[in-house]
C-alpha atoms as a PDB file:
ATOM      1  CA  MET A   1     -11.694 -41.602  23.552  1.00  0.00           C
ATOM      2  CA  LEU A   2      -9.765 -39.625  20.868  1.00  0.00           C
ATOM      3  CA  VAL A   3      -7.569 -43.052  19.644  1.00  0.00           C
ATOM      4  CA  LEU A   4     -11.151 -44.623  19.447  1.00  0.00           C
ATOM      5  CA  THR A   5     -11.911 -41.467  17.288  1.00  0.00           C
ATOM      6  CA  ILE A   6      -9.117 -41.388  14.781  1.00  0.00           C
ATOM      7  CA  ALA A   7      -9.546 -45.543  14.564  1.00  0.00           C
ATOM      8  CA  ALA A   8     -13.435 -44.534  13.883  1.00  0.00           C
ATOM      9  CA  LEU A   9     -12.087 -42.219  11.335  1.00  0.00           C
ATOM     10  CA  ALA A  10      -9.365 -44.409   9.395  1.00  0.00           C
ATOM     11  CA  TYR A  11     -11.815 -47.576   9.526  1.00  0.00           C
ATOM     12  CA  PHE A  12     -14.195 -45.212   7.307  1.00  0.00           C
ATOM     13  CA  LEU A  13     -11.351 -43.413   5.443  1.00  0.00           C
ATOM     14  CA  LEU A  14     -10.683 -47.337   4.639  1.00  0.00           C
ATOM     15  CA  ALA A  15     -14.032 -48.558   3.471  1.00  0.00           C
ATOM     16  CA  ILE A  16     -14.780 -45.476   1.423  1.00  0.00           C
ATOM     17  CA  GLY A  17     -11.707 -45.741  -0.660  1.00  0.00           C
ATOM     18  CA  LEU A  18     -12.269 -49.927  -0.961  1.00  0.00           C
ATOM     19  CA  VAL A  19     -15.598 -49.442  -2.730  1.00  0.00           C
ATOM     20  CA  ILE A  20     -14.704 -46.659  -4.776  1.00  0.00           C
ATOM     21  CA  ILE A  21     -11.431 -48.871  -6.165  1.00  0.00           C
ATOM     22  CA  ILE A  22     -13.605 -51.969  -6.751  1.00  0.00           C
ATOM     23  CA  ASP A  23     -16.255 -49.307  -8.039  1.00  0.00           C
ATOM     24  CA  ASN A  24     -13.971 -48.570 -10.855  1.00  0.00           C
ATOM     25  CA  MET A  25     -12.357 -51.874 -11.264  1.00  0.00           C
ATOM     26  CA  VAL A  26     -16.184 -53.000 -11.870  1.00  0.00           C
ATOM     27  CA  GLY A  27     -16.560 -49.999 -14.358  1.00  0.00           C
ATOM     28  CA  PHE A  28     -13.636 -50.915 -16.138  1.00  0.00           C
ATOM     29  CA  VAL A  29     -14.246 -54.538 -16.849  1.00  0.00           C
ATOM     30  CA  PHE A  30     -17.252 -53.920 -17.457  1.00  0.00           C
ATOM     31  CA  PRO A  31     -18.085 -50.670 -19.113  1.00  0.00           C
ATOM     32  CA  GLU A  32     -21.215 -48.769 -19.698  1.00  0.00           C
ATOM     33  CA  ARG A  33     -22.421 -49.465 -23.307  1.00  0.00           C
ATOM     34  CA  ARG A  34     -25.059 -46.769 -23.763  1.00  0.00           C
ATOM     35  CA  PRO A  35     -24.191 -42.855 -23.669  1.00  0.00           C
ATOM     36  CA  ALA A  36     -24.943 -41.586 -20.240  1.00  0.00           C
ATOM     37  CA  SER A  37     -26.756 -37.860 -20.509  1.00  0.00           C
ATOM     38  CA  GLY A  38     -24.887 -36.858 -17.397  1.00  0.00           C
ATOM     39  CA  ARG A  39     -27.930 -36.152 -15.671  1.00  0.00           C
ATOM     40  CA  PHE A  40     -30.564 -37.915 -13.591  1.00  0.00           C
ATOM     41  CA  PHE A  41     -33.380 -35.836 -14.503  1.00  0.00           C
ATOM     42  CA  ASP A  42     -33.768 -35.705 -18.491  1.00  0.00           C
ATOM     43  CA  LEU A  43     -35.317 -31.963 -18.566  1.00  0.00           C
ATOM     44  CA  THR A  44     -36.262 -32.284 -22.202  1.00  0.00           C
ATOM     45  CA  LYS A  45     -37.715 -35.951 -22.351  1.00  0.00           C
ATOM     46  CA  ALA A  46     -39.985 -34.539 -19.446  1.00  0.00           C
ATOM     47  CA  ILE A  47     -41.532 -31.595 -21.587  1.00  0.00           C
ATOM     48  CA  ALA A  48     -41.924 -33.611 -24.639  1.00  0.00           C
ATOM     49  CA  VAL A  49     -43.863 -36.203 -22.743  1.00  0.00           C
ATOM     50  CA  ALA A  50     -45.869 -32.692 -20.664  1.00  0.00           C
ATOM     51  CA  GLN A  51     -46.076 -31.326 -23.687  1.00  0.00           C
ATOM     52  CA  ARG A  52     -48.253 -34.264 -25.388  1.00  0.00           C
ATOM     53  CA  PHE A  53     -50.216 -35.382 -22.844  1.00  0.00           C
ATOM     54  CA  GLY A  54     -51.493 -31.865 -22.907  1.00  0.00           C
ATOM     55  CA  ARG A  55     -52.657 -32.239 -26.178  1.00  0.00           C
ATOM     56  CA  LYS A  56     -55.046 -34.746 -24.757  1.00  0.00           C
END
């Protein structure tokens, strides 16, 4: 059972490593054109929209 657990963990780590490597290669070939804000949710944009709808 221990050998099976070690093999499954090694397979999982290999798969994750392969995904990361392929993702980096795709990012190198096709760089992102737009500037990334670094945040998924832009708080300043949300405040501006909330103020605009609050006036109506």
